[in-house]
Every structure is written in structure tokens, then in C-alpha cells.
N, C-alpha and C. Protein backbone atom coordinates (compact mmCIF):
# COMPACT_ATOMS: atom_id res chain seq x y z
N MET A 1 163.48 27.45 99.72
CA MET A 1 163.14 26.13 99.26
C MET A 1 162.64 25.31 100.45
N ARG A 2 161.54 24.64 100.28
CA ARG A 2 161.00 23.79 101.33
C ARG A 2 161.86 22.53 101.48
N SER A 3 161.80 21.96 102.68
CA SER A 3 162.59 20.76 102.97
C SER A 3 162.27 19.63 102.00
N THR A 4 160.99 19.43 101.70
CA THR A 4 160.60 18.35 100.80
C THR A 4 161.13 18.58 99.38
N GLU A 5 161.20 19.85 98.97
CA GLU A 5 161.76 20.17 97.65
C GLU A 5 163.24 19.84 97.60
N ALA A 6 163.95 20.16 98.68
CA ALA A 6 165.39 19.85 98.75
C ALA A 6 165.61 18.35 98.66
N VAL A 7 164.81 17.58 99.39
CA VAL A 7 164.94 16.12 99.36
C VAL A 7 164.66 15.59 97.96
N SER A 8 163.63 16.10 97.31
CA SER A 8 163.29 15.65 95.95
C SER A 8 164.43 15.91 94.98
N GLN A 9 165.05 17.09 95.08
CA GLN A 9 166.15 17.42 94.17
C GLN A 9 167.37 16.53 94.41
N ILE A 10 167.70 16.30 95.67
CA ILE A 10 168.84 15.44 96.01
C ILE A 10 168.56 14.01 95.57
N LYS A 11 167.34 13.56 95.79
CA LYS A 11 166.95 12.19 95.39
C LYS A 11 167.11 12.03 93.88
N TRP A 12 166.65 13.03 93.13
CA TRP A 12 166.76 12.99 91.67
C TRP A 12 168.23 13.04 91.24
N LEU A 13 169.00 13.95 91.85
CA LEU A 13 170.40 14.14 91.49
C LEU A 13 171.22 12.87 91.66
N PHE A 14 170.95 12.13 92.74
CA PHE A 14 171.70 10.91 93.03
C PHE A 14 170.97 9.64 92.57
N ASN A 15 169.83 9.82 91.91
CA ASN A 15 169.03 8.70 91.42
C ASN A 15 168.77 7.69 92.55
N ALA A 16 168.41 8.22 93.71
CA ALA A 16 168.19 7.38 94.90
C ALA A 16 166.76 6.85 94.92
N GLN A 17 166.61 5.63 95.40
CA GLN A 17 165.29 5.04 95.55
C GLN A 17 164.57 5.59 96.78
N LYS A 18 165.35 5.89 97.80
CA LYS A 18 164.78 6.31 99.08
C LYS A 18 165.58 7.51 99.59
N ALA A 19 164.86 8.51 100.13
CA ALA A 19 165.52 9.70 100.69
C ALA A 19 164.64 10.27 101.80
N GLY A 20 165.27 10.95 102.72
CA GLY A 20 164.53 11.59 103.80
C GLY A 20 165.37 12.68 104.44
N HIS A 21 164.71 13.51 105.25
CA HIS A 21 165.43 14.60 105.91
C HIS A 21 165.19 14.57 107.41
N ALA A 22 166.09 15.19 108.13
CA ALA A 22 166.03 15.20 109.60
C ALA A 22 165.59 16.58 110.08
N GLY A 23 164.29 16.82 110.05
CA GLY A 23 163.76 18.08 110.56
C GLY A 23 163.37 19.02 109.44
N THR A 24 162.65 20.05 109.81
CA THR A 24 162.17 21.03 108.85
C THR A 24 162.58 22.41 109.32
N LEU A 25 163.17 23.19 108.43
CA LEU A 25 163.50 24.58 108.75
C LEU A 25 162.29 25.46 108.48
N ASP A 26 162.11 26.47 109.31
CA ASP A 26 161.06 27.45 109.04
C ASP A 26 161.36 28.15 107.72
N PRO A 27 160.32 28.68 107.05
CA PRO A 27 160.53 29.30 105.73
C PRO A 27 161.60 30.39 105.70
N LEU A 28 161.70 31.20 106.74
CA LEU A 28 162.68 32.29 106.74
C LEU A 28 164.01 31.90 107.35
N ALA A 29 164.14 30.66 107.79
CA ALA A 29 165.39 30.22 108.43
C ALA A 29 166.39 29.75 107.38
N SER A 30 167.64 29.85 107.74
CA SER A 30 168.68 29.27 106.90
C SER A 30 169.53 28.38 107.78
N GLY A 31 170.10 27.38 107.19
CA GLY A 31 170.92 26.46 107.97
C GLY A 31 171.08 25.14 107.27
N MET A 32 171.55 24.17 108.01
CA MET A 32 171.83 22.85 107.47
C MET A 32 170.58 21.97 107.57
N LEU A 33 170.29 21.27 106.49
CA LEU A 33 169.19 20.31 106.47
C LEU A 33 169.80 18.94 106.18
N PRO A 34 169.97 18.11 107.21
CA PRO A 34 170.55 16.79 106.96
C PRO A 34 169.61 15.94 106.09
N ILE A 35 170.16 15.41 105.00
CA ILE A 35 169.41 14.55 104.08
C ILE A 35 170.13 13.21 103.99
N ALA A 36 169.36 12.14 104.10
CA ALA A 36 169.92 10.79 104.03
C ALA A 36 169.34 10.07 102.82
N LEU A 37 170.16 9.22 102.21
CA LEU A 37 169.75 8.45 101.03
C LEU A 37 169.87 6.96 101.31
N GLY A 38 168.97 6.18 100.70
CA GLY A 38 169.03 4.72 100.79
C GLY A 38 168.96 4.22 102.22
N GLU A 39 169.83 3.27 102.55
CA GLU A 39 169.85 2.66 103.88
C GLU A 39 170.15 3.69 104.97
N ALA A 40 170.83 4.77 104.61
CA ALA A 40 171.18 5.80 105.60
C ALA A 40 169.95 6.49 106.17
N THR A 41 168.79 6.35 105.51
CA THR A 41 167.57 6.97 106.06
C THR A 41 167.22 6.38 107.42
N LYS A 42 167.73 5.19 107.71
CA LYS A 42 167.48 4.57 109.02
C LYS A 42 168.17 5.33 110.15
N THR A 43 169.13 6.18 109.82
CA THR A 43 169.84 6.95 110.86
C THR A 43 169.14 8.26 111.21
N ILE A 44 168.13 8.64 110.44
CA ILE A 44 167.46 9.93 110.65
C ILE A 44 166.95 10.11 112.08
N PRO A 45 166.30 9.12 112.70
CA PRO A 45 165.84 9.34 114.08
C PRO A 45 166.97 9.71 115.04
N TYR A 46 168.16 9.18 114.81
CA TYR A 46 169.29 9.49 115.69
C TYR A 46 169.77 10.93 115.48
N VAL A 47 169.75 11.37 114.24
CA VAL A 47 170.14 12.75 113.93
C VAL A 47 169.14 13.72 114.55
N MET A 48 167.86 13.40 114.47
CA MET A 48 166.82 14.29 115.00
C MET A 48 166.89 14.43 116.51
N GLU A 49 167.38 13.41 117.19
CA GLU A 49 167.49 13.46 118.64
C GLU A 49 168.63 14.36 119.11
N GLY A 50 169.49 14.76 118.21
CA GLY A 50 170.66 15.56 118.56
C GLY A 50 170.31 16.97 119.01
N ILE A 51 171.31 17.59 119.62
CA ILE A 51 171.19 18.98 120.08
C ILE A 51 171.55 19.90 118.92
N LYS A 52 170.82 21.00 118.78
CA LYS A 52 171.04 21.95 117.70
C LYS A 52 171.30 23.34 118.28
N THR A 53 172.05 24.15 117.56
CA THR A 53 172.30 25.53 117.97
C THR A 53 171.79 26.46 116.88
N TYR A 54 171.05 27.49 117.29
CA TYR A 54 170.51 28.48 116.37
C TYR A 54 170.90 29.88 116.85
N HIS A 55 171.09 30.78 115.88
CA HIS A 55 171.30 32.20 116.16
C HIS A 55 170.09 32.91 115.56
N PHE A 56 169.49 33.81 116.33
CA PHE A 56 168.27 34.47 115.84
C PHE A 56 168.12 35.87 116.40
N HIS A 57 167.28 36.65 115.74
CA HIS A 57 167.00 38.03 116.12
C HIS A 57 165.52 38.14 116.45
N VAL A 58 165.21 38.81 117.54
CA VAL A 58 163.82 39.09 117.90
C VAL A 58 163.61 40.59 117.77
N ALA A 59 162.66 40.98 116.92
CA ALA A 59 162.27 42.39 116.78
C ALA A 59 161.03 42.60 117.63
N TRP A 60 161.10 43.52 118.56
CA TRP A 60 159.99 43.75 119.49
C TRP A 60 158.97 44.71 118.90
N GLY A 61 157.76 44.65 119.40
CA GLY A 61 156.74 45.64 119.06
C GLY A 61 155.59 45.15 118.21
N GLU A 62 155.69 43.95 117.64
CA GLU A 62 154.60 43.41 116.84
C GLU A 62 154.36 41.95 117.18
N GLU A 63 153.09 41.60 117.22
CA GLU A 63 152.73 40.18 117.28
C GLU A 63 152.18 39.84 115.91
N ARG A 64 152.66 38.74 115.34
CA ARG A 64 152.23 38.35 114.00
C ARG A 64 151.55 36.98 114.03
N SER A 65 150.67 36.76 113.09
CA SER A 65 149.87 35.54 113.05
C SER A 65 150.72 34.27 112.96
N THR A 66 151.89 34.35 112.37
CA THR A 66 152.75 33.18 112.18
C THR A 66 153.94 33.17 113.14
N ASP A 67 154.06 34.17 113.99
CA ASP A 67 155.21 34.34 114.89
C ASP A 67 156.50 34.61 114.14
N ASP A 68 156.41 35.02 112.87
CA ASP A 68 157.60 35.41 112.11
C ASP A 68 157.23 36.57 111.18
N LEU A 69 158.17 37.04 110.38
CA LEU A 69 157.93 38.20 109.53
C LEU A 69 156.96 37.95 108.39
N GLU A 70 156.63 36.70 108.10
CA GLU A 70 155.71 36.39 107.00
C GLU A 70 154.25 36.63 107.37
N GLY A 71 153.94 36.62 108.66
CA GLY A 71 152.55 36.72 109.09
C GLY A 71 152.01 38.14 109.11
N GLU A 72 150.69 38.22 109.26
CA GLU A 72 150.03 39.51 109.38
C GLU A 72 150.21 40.04 110.80
N VAL A 73 150.38 41.36 110.90
CA VAL A 73 150.48 41.99 112.22
C VAL A 73 149.09 41.94 112.85
N ILE A 74 149.01 41.34 114.04
CA ILE A 74 147.72 41.25 114.72
C ILE A 74 147.67 42.09 115.99
N LYS A 75 148.84 42.55 116.44
CA LYS A 75 148.89 43.39 117.63
C LYS A 75 150.21 44.15 117.64
N THR A 76 150.17 45.39 118.12
CA THR A 76 151.41 46.16 118.27
C THR A 76 151.54 46.64 119.71
N ALA A 77 152.76 46.94 120.08
CA ALA A 77 153.03 47.45 121.43
C ALA A 77 154.18 48.44 121.36
N ILE A 78 154.11 49.43 122.21
CA ILE A 78 155.17 50.43 122.27
C ILE A 78 156.27 49.99 123.23
N GLN A 79 155.87 49.32 124.29
CA GLN A 79 156.82 48.90 125.32
C GLN A 79 157.80 47.88 124.77
N ARG A 80 159.08 48.06 125.14
CA ARG A 80 160.14 47.13 124.74
C ARG A 80 160.85 46.64 126.00
N PRO A 81 161.24 45.39 126.04
CA PRO A 81 161.98 44.91 127.21
C PRO A 81 163.39 45.51 127.22
N THR A 82 163.87 45.79 128.41
CA THR A 82 165.24 46.27 128.55
C THR A 82 166.18 45.07 128.55
N GLN A 83 167.46 45.35 128.41
CA GLN A 83 168.44 44.27 128.47
C GLN A 83 168.38 43.58 129.82
N GLU A 84 168.15 44.35 130.87
CA GLU A 84 168.04 43.77 132.22
C GLU A 84 166.82 42.86 132.32
N ASP A 85 165.69 43.28 131.73
CA ASP A 85 164.48 42.45 131.72
C ASP A 85 164.77 41.10 131.05
N ILE A 86 165.44 41.16 129.92
CA ILE A 86 165.74 39.94 129.16
C ILE A 86 166.68 39.04 129.94
N LEU A 87 167.75 39.61 130.48
CA LEU A 87 168.71 38.80 131.23
C LEU A 87 168.07 38.13 132.44
N ALA A 88 167.08 38.80 133.05
CA ALA A 88 166.38 38.22 134.19
C ALA A 88 165.48 37.06 133.76
N LEU A 89 164.95 37.11 132.53
CA LEU A 89 164.03 36.06 132.04
C LEU A 89 164.74 34.84 131.46
N LEU A 90 165.94 35.00 130.95
CA LEU A 90 166.62 33.89 130.26
C LEU A 90 166.68 32.60 131.08
N PRO A 91 166.98 32.64 132.38
CA PRO A 91 167.02 31.38 133.14
C PRO A 91 165.68 30.64 133.16
N LYS A 92 164.56 31.36 133.03
CA LYS A 92 163.24 30.72 133.04
C LYS A 92 162.99 29.92 131.75
N TYR A 93 163.80 30.19 130.73
CA TYR A 93 163.65 29.50 129.44
C TYR A 93 164.78 28.50 129.22
N THR A 94 165.40 28.06 130.29
CA THR A 94 166.49 27.09 130.20
C THR A 94 166.09 25.83 130.96
N GLY A 95 166.49 24.68 130.44
CA GLY A 95 166.10 23.41 131.03
C GLY A 95 164.93 22.83 130.26
N VAL A 96 164.14 22.00 130.90
CA VAL A 96 162.94 21.45 130.28
C VAL A 96 161.81 22.44 130.56
N ILE A 97 161.23 22.99 129.48
CA ILE A 97 160.17 23.98 129.61
C ILE A 97 158.96 23.53 128.80
N LEU A 98 157.81 24.12 129.08
CA LEU A 98 156.62 23.91 128.26
C LEU A 98 156.58 25.01 127.22
N GLN A 99 156.40 24.63 125.96
CA GLN A 99 156.36 25.59 124.88
C GLN A 99 155.16 25.30 123.99
N THR A 100 154.42 26.35 123.64
CA THR A 100 153.30 26.20 122.71
C THR A 100 153.81 26.47 121.30
N PRO A 101 153.78 25.47 120.42
CA PRO A 101 154.25 25.67 119.04
C PRO A 101 153.37 26.68 118.31
N PRO A 102 153.89 27.29 117.25
CA PRO A 102 153.10 28.24 116.46
C PRO A 102 151.92 27.54 115.77
N LYS A 103 150.86 28.30 115.55
CA LYS A 103 149.70 27.76 114.82
C LYS A 103 150.10 27.40 113.40
N PHE A 104 151.03 28.17 112.83
CA PHE A 104 151.55 27.88 111.51
C PHE A 104 152.81 27.04 111.68
N SER A 105 152.63 25.74 111.86
CA SER A 105 153.74 24.82 112.03
C SER A 105 153.40 23.51 111.33
N ALA A 106 154.40 22.65 111.21
CA ALA A 106 154.22 21.37 110.51
C ALA A 106 153.64 20.29 111.41
N ILE A 107 153.29 20.65 112.63
CA ILE A 107 152.71 19.67 113.56
C ILE A 107 151.39 19.16 112.99
N LYS A 108 151.18 17.86 113.13
CA LYS A 108 149.94 17.26 112.62
C LYS A 108 148.87 17.27 113.69
N ILE A 109 147.67 17.69 113.26
CA ILE A 109 146.49 17.68 114.11
C ILE A 109 145.43 16.87 113.37
N ALA A 110 145.06 15.74 113.93
CA ALA A 110 144.09 14.83 113.30
C ALA A 110 144.48 14.54 111.85
N GLY A 111 145.78 14.32 111.61
CA GLY A 111 146.26 13.96 110.29
C GLY A 111 146.53 15.12 109.35
N ASN A 112 146.24 16.34 109.78
CA ASN A 112 146.47 17.52 108.94
C ASN A 112 147.57 18.39 109.53
N ARG A 113 148.36 19.02 108.67
CA ARG A 113 149.38 19.96 109.14
C ARG A 113 148.70 21.19 109.73
N ALA A 114 149.21 21.65 110.85
CA ALA A 114 148.62 22.82 111.52
C ALA A 114 148.60 24.02 110.59
N TYR A 115 149.66 24.22 109.78
CA TYR A 115 149.68 25.38 108.90
C TYR A 115 148.60 25.31 107.83
N ASP A 116 148.23 24.11 107.37
CA ASP A 116 147.14 23.98 106.40
C ASP A 116 145.81 24.38 107.04
N LEU A 117 145.59 23.93 108.27
CA LEU A 117 144.36 24.27 108.99
C LEU A 117 144.29 25.77 109.25
N ALA A 118 145.42 26.36 109.69
CA ALA A 118 145.45 27.79 109.99
C ALA A 118 145.20 28.62 108.73
N ARG A 119 145.80 28.22 107.61
CA ARG A 119 145.59 28.95 106.35
C ARG A 119 144.14 28.86 105.88
N ALA A 120 143.47 27.75 106.23
CA ALA A 120 142.07 27.57 105.85
C ALA A 120 141.12 28.34 106.78
N GLY A 121 141.70 29.04 107.76
CA GLY A 121 140.89 29.84 108.67
C GLY A 121 140.35 29.08 109.86
N GLU A 122 140.75 27.84 110.03
CA GLU A 122 140.29 27.07 111.18
C GLU A 122 141.05 27.50 112.43
N ILE A 123 140.37 27.44 113.55
CA ILE A 123 141.01 27.76 114.82
C ILE A 123 141.88 26.57 115.22
N VAL A 124 143.16 26.83 115.36
CA VAL A 124 144.13 25.78 115.66
C VAL A 124 144.57 25.92 117.10
N GLU A 125 144.34 24.89 117.88
CA GLU A 125 144.79 24.86 119.27
C GLU A 125 145.82 23.76 119.41
N ILE A 126 147.05 24.15 119.64
CA ILE A 126 148.12 23.18 119.82
C ILE A 126 148.52 23.22 121.28
N PRO A 127 148.41 22.10 121.97
CA PRO A 127 148.76 22.11 123.40
C PRO A 127 150.26 22.32 123.60
N PRO A 128 150.62 22.93 124.72
CA PRO A 128 152.05 23.09 125.02
C PRO A 128 152.71 21.72 125.12
N ARG A 129 154.00 21.69 124.80
CA ARG A 129 154.75 20.45 124.90
C ARG A 129 156.11 20.73 125.52
N GLU A 130 156.67 19.69 126.10
CA GLU A 130 157.98 19.84 126.73
C GLU A 130 159.07 19.88 125.67
N VAL A 131 159.97 20.85 125.83
CA VAL A 131 161.17 20.93 125.00
C VAL A 131 162.35 21.18 125.93
N LYS A 132 163.52 20.83 125.46
CA LYS A 132 164.71 21.01 126.29
C LYS A 132 165.59 22.11 125.71
N ILE A 133 165.86 23.11 126.54
CA ILE A 133 166.75 24.21 126.17
C ILE A 133 168.04 24.04 126.97
N GLU A 134 169.12 23.72 126.29
CA GLU A 134 170.41 23.55 126.96
C GLU A 134 170.96 24.90 127.41
N SER A 135 170.88 25.90 126.52
CA SER A 135 171.33 27.24 126.87
C SER A 135 170.63 28.27 126.00
N LEU A 136 170.46 29.45 126.54
CA LEU A 136 169.86 30.58 125.83
C LEU A 136 170.63 31.82 126.26
N LYS A 137 171.27 32.46 125.28
CA LYS A 137 172.13 33.61 125.59
C LYS A 137 171.74 34.82 124.77
N LEU A 138 171.80 35.98 125.39
CA LEU A 138 171.67 37.26 124.69
C LEU A 138 173.04 37.55 124.09
N THR A 139 173.10 37.77 122.77
CA THR A 139 174.40 37.97 122.12
C THR A 139 174.58 39.34 121.50
N GLY A 140 173.51 40.13 121.42
CA GLY A 140 173.65 41.45 120.82
C GLY A 140 172.37 42.25 120.90
N THR A 141 172.50 43.54 120.61
CA THR A 141 171.36 44.45 120.69
C THR A 141 171.35 45.34 119.45
N THR A 142 170.14 45.60 118.94
CA THR A 142 169.95 46.57 117.87
C THR A 142 168.89 47.56 118.32
N THR A 143 168.63 48.57 117.53
CA THR A 143 167.58 49.53 117.89
C THR A 143 166.20 48.88 117.80
N GLN A 144 166.07 47.81 117.02
CA GLN A 144 164.78 47.14 116.83
C GLN A 144 164.57 45.92 117.72
N GLY A 145 165.64 45.37 118.28
CA GLY A 145 165.47 44.15 119.05
C GLY A 145 166.78 43.62 119.60
N HIS A 146 166.84 42.29 119.73
CA HIS A 146 168.00 41.64 120.32
C HIS A 146 168.36 40.37 119.56
N PHE A 147 169.65 40.01 119.61
CA PHE A 147 170.15 38.78 119.03
C PHE A 147 170.37 37.76 120.14
N PHE A 148 170.08 36.50 119.83
CA PHE A 148 170.21 35.42 120.80
C PHE A 148 170.89 34.22 120.16
N GLU A 149 171.40 33.35 121.03
CA GLU A 149 171.90 32.04 120.63
C GLU A 149 171.22 31.02 121.53
N ILE A 150 170.68 29.97 120.90
CA ILE A 150 170.01 28.92 121.67
C ILE A 150 170.59 27.57 121.27
N THR A 151 170.79 26.73 122.25
CA THR A 151 171.15 25.34 122.03
C THR A 151 170.01 24.53 122.62
N CYS A 152 169.37 23.70 121.77
CA CYS A 152 168.13 23.06 122.20
C CYS A 152 167.96 21.68 121.57
N GLY A 153 166.98 20.97 122.07
CA GLY A 153 166.64 19.65 121.55
C GLY A 153 165.55 19.72 120.51
N LYS A 154 165.15 18.56 120.02
CA LYS A 154 164.15 18.48 118.95
C LYS A 154 162.80 19.02 119.42
N GLY A 155 162.06 19.57 118.46
CA GLY A 155 160.73 20.06 118.75
C GLY A 155 160.67 21.49 119.25
N THR A 156 161.81 22.13 119.44
CA THR A 156 161.82 23.52 119.91
C THR A 156 161.53 24.44 118.74
N TYR A 157 160.59 25.34 118.93
CA TYR A 157 160.28 26.35 117.93
C TYR A 157 160.90 27.66 118.38
N VAL A 158 161.98 28.06 117.72
CA VAL A 158 162.69 29.28 118.10
C VAL A 158 161.76 30.48 117.99
N ARG A 159 160.92 30.53 116.96
CA ARG A 159 160.04 31.69 116.80
C ARG A 159 158.97 31.78 117.88
N SER A 160 158.74 30.70 118.61
CA SER A 160 157.79 30.75 119.72
C SER A 160 158.38 31.40 120.96
N LEU A 161 159.71 31.47 121.04
CA LEU A 161 160.34 32.00 122.25
C LEU A 161 160.03 33.47 122.49
N ALA A 162 159.82 34.24 121.44
CA ALA A 162 159.55 35.67 121.61
C ALA A 162 158.12 35.92 122.09
N ARG A 163 157.28 34.93 121.96
CA ARG A 163 155.89 35.06 122.41
C ARG A 163 155.86 34.93 123.93
N TYR A 164 155.30 35.89 124.61
CA TYR A 164 155.25 35.86 126.07
C TYR A 164 154.48 34.62 126.53
N GLY A 165 155.04 33.94 127.51
CA GLY A 165 154.35 32.79 128.08
C GLY A 165 154.51 31.51 127.29
N THR A 166 155.51 31.47 126.40
CA THR A 166 155.70 30.26 125.60
C THR A 166 155.90 29.06 126.49
């Protein structure tokens, strides 16, 4: 369910005049979506400024158009990073870093959502932006990839982290 659909249902359920949400989850993500009603919508900016923690899995070997499992495979690779490679890189992704958001994202470009432009076949160039990563930890290993935990600030795209040079 999209974030806007969740807000619409809650708004209808509580017969609220005004409703809003604090952030958007990626289509394949699960988690908490803070929704505010009425006067409480004024608190949304404060909620969005908060630190969030995510748990995620990175499967190595494919680059996809959307940076997630929904996209088309655009490149494959046989080489996989070792646990030592990953542990050596984690400190470089901690603190304030520059991150390029996915082309398929809710970021607005000239008034249009980047994902709408990308789906229409337009070339989408989103400049890198500063995001804050409080911590990034390797938490597990599978035959296909690795599990991580990240604690980060607003605007961080977890699915962008697996892309080299994010």
C-alpha cells in the first residue's frame, strides 16, 4: 500500500478534515508510517527530522534500474565483496556523506516526481545530496548477500547504499 493510500484510509476511518504522513516507504519496504490528523499535522516536520533505524538485505550480483527487486536487471557481475571488503568500507559510509538518490524516487524535479519521469523514459539526473548516517553495521551473511542495520537521518535512501559510489 502506498503512503498516500494509507493516509486516505486513516483520514476516512477517523473522518478527519486534515491528515498527513511523515515520510514515504519504498514499495518493498515494511515498517512504521507515522500519520498525523488535524492539528497534529503541524508536528510532522519534527517527526521527519528524527533518526530512523532500518534493517535490510543486499543481494550482490545484479544492478537494477530501480535499485531494488522491482526493477529490470541492467547489469550483472560475478564478483562478490568479501566480509572483509565490506567491513573495510563501512566507516566510509558513516557520518555526513554524499548520496545519489535512486532515479525511481519521490524526489521532485521541476515539479515532477523522479519516478514518473523515469517511467516515462526520460533521463533523470538527481544530484548527490548530503545525508547523515549515524551507524552502519554488518549483521549477517547469506549465500546471496549480507544483512545490515543502519541508523540514519532524513533523506537517506537505503537502496542507494548498495550502489558503488553512492
